[in-house]
């Protein structure tokens, strides 16, 4: 559930910075709607994938990140499971039989 394709530069720049709730600008990485505030140690992601990220956190690490649980719960509700996630879950279940 937690393995998703990612652009290496964005993944490296995000590092282990916490996510922020503001909408990112697309000035930092061209057409990618992603932003890293290195000084504040925050990464800002496109609202259309926030629910995906929240559900990955719930699946794997939510007990260790209680500080952002409220934000992740909000993201999960605002960005519900889409068709790609449903397909991914089905593929994972089918491959684990």
C-alpha atoms as a PDB file:
ATOM      1  CA  UNK A   1       0.000   0.000   0.000  1.00  0.00           C
ATOM      2  CA  UNK A   2       2.842   2.404   0.678  1.00  0.00           C
ATOM      3  CA  UNK A   3       4.881   1.861  -2.473  1.00  0.00           C
ATOM      4  CA  UNK A   4       4.031   4.424  -5.127  1.00  0.00           C
ATOM      5  CA  UNK A   5       6.040   5.842  -8.001  1.00  0.00           C
ATOM      6  CA  UNK A   6       7.725   9.127  -7.141  1.00  0.00           C
ATOM      7  CA  UNK A   7       9.991  11.599  -8.881  1.00  0.00           C
ATOM      8  CA  UNK A   8      13.397  11.147  -7.277  1.00  0.00           C
ATOM      9  CA  UNK A   9      14.217  14.836  -6.893  1.00  0.00           C
ATOM     10  CA  UNK A  10      10.895  15.577  -5.174  1.00  0.00           C
ATOM     11  CA  UNK A  11      11.230  12.534  -2.934  1.00  0.00           C
ATOM     12  CA  UNK A  12      14.773  13.518  -1.950  1.00  0.00           C
ATOM     13  CA  UNK A  13      13.850  17.159  -1.326  1.00  0.00           C
ATOM     14  CA  UNK A  14      10.833  16.179   0.762  1.00  0.00           C
ATOM     15  CA  UNK A  15      13.191  14.005   2.798  1.00  0.00           C
ATOM     16  CA  UNK A  16      11.560  13.430   6.152  1.00  0.00           C
ATOM     17  CA  UNK A  17       9.921  16.865   6.347  1.00  0.00           C
ATOM     18  CA  UNK A  18       6.387  16.895   7.676  1.00  0.00           C
ATOM     19  CA  UNK A  19       3.540  17.713   5.324  1.00  0.00           C
ATOM     20  CA  UNK A  20       1.936  21.125   5.488  1.00  0.00           C
ATOM     21  CA  UNK A  21      -1.694  22.003   4.848  1.00  0.00           C
ATOM     22  CA  UNK A  22      -1.175  24.928   2.482  1.00  0.00           C
ATOM     23  CA  UNK A  23      -1.708  24.612  -1.259  1.00  0.00           C
ATOM     24  CA  UNK A  24       1.647  24.339  -3.033  1.00  0.00           C
ATOM     25  CA  UNK A  25       2.804  26.550  -5.840  1.00  0.00           C
ATOM     26  CA  UNK A  26       4.118  24.949  -9.011  1.00  0.00           C
ATOM     27  CA  UNK A  27       7.015  27.358  -9.331  1.00  0.00           C
ATOM     28  CA  UNK A  28       9.612  25.268  -7.521  1.00  0.00           C
ATOM     29  CA  UNK A  29       9.380  22.095  -9.639  1.00  0.00           C
ATOM     30  CA  UNK A  30       7.987  23.212 -12.978  1.00  0.00           C
ATOM     31  CA  UNK A  31       4.599  21.632 -13.676  1.00  0.00           C
ATOM     32  CA  UNK A  32       4.573  19.583 -10.460  1.00  0.00           C
ATOM     33  CA  UNK A  33       2.162  21.008  -7.930  1.00  0.00           C
ATOM     34  CA  UNK A  34       4.609  20.378  -5.089  1.00  0.00           C
ATOM     35  CA  UNK A  35       6.607  22.639  -2.852  1.00  0.00           C
ATOM     36  CA  UNK A  36       9.210  22.211  -0.117  1.00  0.00           C
ATOM     37  CA  UNK A  37       9.875  24.900   2.455  1.00  0.00           C
ATOM     38  CA  UNK A  38      13.338  23.872   3.582  1.00  0.00           C
ATOM     39  CA  UNK A  39      13.504  26.504   6.312  1.00  0.00           C
ATOM     40  CA  UNK A  40      10.204  25.411   7.891  1.00  0.00           C
ATOM     41  CA  UNK A  41      10.911  21.734   7.083  1.00  0.00           C
ATOM     42  CA  UNK A  42       7.501  21.311   5.434  1.00  0.00           C
ATOM     43  CA  UNK A  43       6.382  19.771   2.145  1.00  0.00           C
ATOM     44  CA  UNK A  44       3.188  20.894   0.445  1.00  0.00           C
ATOM     45  CA  UNK A  45       1.378  18.569  -1.964  1.00  0.00           C
ATOM     46  CA  UNK A  46      -1.472  18.887  -4.417  1.00  0.00           C
ATOM     47  CA  UNK A  47      -4.903  18.585  -2.773  1.00  0.00           C
ATOM     48  CA  UNK A  48      -5.892  15.883  -5.284  1.00  0.00           C
ATOM     49  CA  UNK A  49      -3.448  13.388  -3.729  1.00  0.00           C
ATOM     50  CA  UNK A  50      -3.688  14.355  -0.069  1.00  0.00           C
ATOM     51  CA  UNK A  51      -6.209  11.619   0.675  1.00  0.00           C
ATOM     52  CA  UNK A  52      -3.905   9.064  -0.939  1.00  0.00           C
ATOM     53  CA  UNK A  53      -1.040  10.212   1.292  1.00  0.00           C
ATOM     54  CA  UNK A  54      -3.267  10.235   4.374  1.00  0.00           C
ATOM     55  CA  UNK A  55      -4.414   6.663   3.775  1.00  0.00           C
ATOM     56  CA  UNK A  56      -0.810   5.506   3.337  1.00  0.00           C
ATOM     57  CA  UNK A  57       0.017   7.136   6.660  1.00  0.00           C
ATOM     58  CA  UNK A  58      -3.000   5.480   8.304  1.00  0.00           C
ATOM     59  CA  UNK A  59      -1.913   2.130   6.903  1.00  0.00           C
ATOM     60  CA  UNK A  60       1.693   2.354   8.051  1.00  0.00           C
ATOM     61  CA  UNK A  61       2.740   5.025  10.474  1.00  0.00           C
ATOM     62  CA  UNK A  62      -0.191   6.820  12.058  1.00  0.00           C
ATOM     63  CA  UNK A  63       0.620   5.615  15.588  1.00  0.00           C
ATOM     64  CA  UNK A  64       3.977   7.388  15.362  1.00  0.00           C
ATOM     65  CA  UNK A  65       2.703  10.667  13.903  1.00  0.00           C
ATOM     66  CA  UNK A  66      -0.031  11.702  16.254  1.00  0.00           C
ATOM     67  CA  UNK A  67       0.873  15.363  15.695  1.00  0.00           C
ATOM     68  CA  UNK A  68      -0.545  15.301  12.169  1.00  0.00           C
ATOM     69  CA  UNK A  69      -3.383  12.837  12.714  1.00  0.00           C
ATOM     70  CA  UNK A  70      -6.055  15.558  12.553  1.00  0.00           C
ATOM     71  CA  UNK A  71      -4.697  16.910   9.259  1.00  0.00           C
ATOM     72  CA  UNK A  72      -4.467  13.402   7.760  1.00  0.00           C
ATOM     73  CA  UNK A  73      -8.046  12.627   8.852  1.00  0.00           C
ATOM     74  CA  UNK A  74      -9.230  15.798   7.134  1.00  0.00           C
ATOM     75  CA  UNK A  75      -7.325  14.974   3.959  1.00  0.00           C
ATOM     76  CA  UNK A  76      -8.800  11.472   3.941  1.00  0.00           C
ATOM     77  CA  UNK A  77     -12.330  12.921   4.040  1.00  0.00           C
ATOM     78  CA  UNK A  78     -11.751  15.767   1.568  1.00  0.00           C
ATOM     79  CA  UNK A  79     -10.003  13.548  -1.017  1.00  0.00           C
ATOM     80  CA  UNK A  80     -11.877  10.210  -0.988  1.00  0.00           C
ATOM     81  CA  UNK A  81     -10.657   6.985  -2.556  1.00  0.00           C
ATOM     82  CA  UNK A  82     -10.570   7.340  -6.325  1.00  0.00           C
ATOM     83  CA  UNK A  83     -10.747   4.747  -9.091  1.00  0.00           C
ATOM     84  CA  UNK A  84      -6.961   4.300  -9.250  1.00  0.00           C
ATOM     85  CA  UNK A  85      -6.767   3.508  -5.519  1.00  0.00           C
ATOM     86  CA  UNK A  86      -9.613   1.015  -5.836  1.00  0.00           C
ATOM     87  CA  UNK A  87      -7.790  -0.664  -8.719  1.00  0.00           C
ATOM     88  CA  UNK A  88      -4.500  -0.667  -6.790  1.00  0.00           C
ATOM     89  CA  UNK A  89      -6.135  -2.248  -3.731  1.00  0.00           C
ATOM     90  CA  UNK A  90      -7.768  -4.918  -5.905  1.00  0.00           C
ATOM     91  CA  UNK A  91      -4.467  -5.679  -7.663  1.00  0.00           C
ATOM     92  CA  UNK A  92      -2.655  -5.977  -4.338  1.00  0.00           C
ATOM     93  CA  UNK A  93      -5.309  -8.264  -2.914  1.00  0.00           C
ATOM     94  CA  UNK A  94      -5.349 -10.414  -6.052  1.00  0.00           C
ATOM     95  CA  UNK A  95      -1.545 -10.732  -6.009  1.00  0.00           C
ATOM     96  CA  UNK A  96      -1.535 -11.790  -2.349  1.00  0.00           C
ATOM     97  CA  UNK A  97      -3.911 -14.721  -2.790  1.00  0.00           C
END
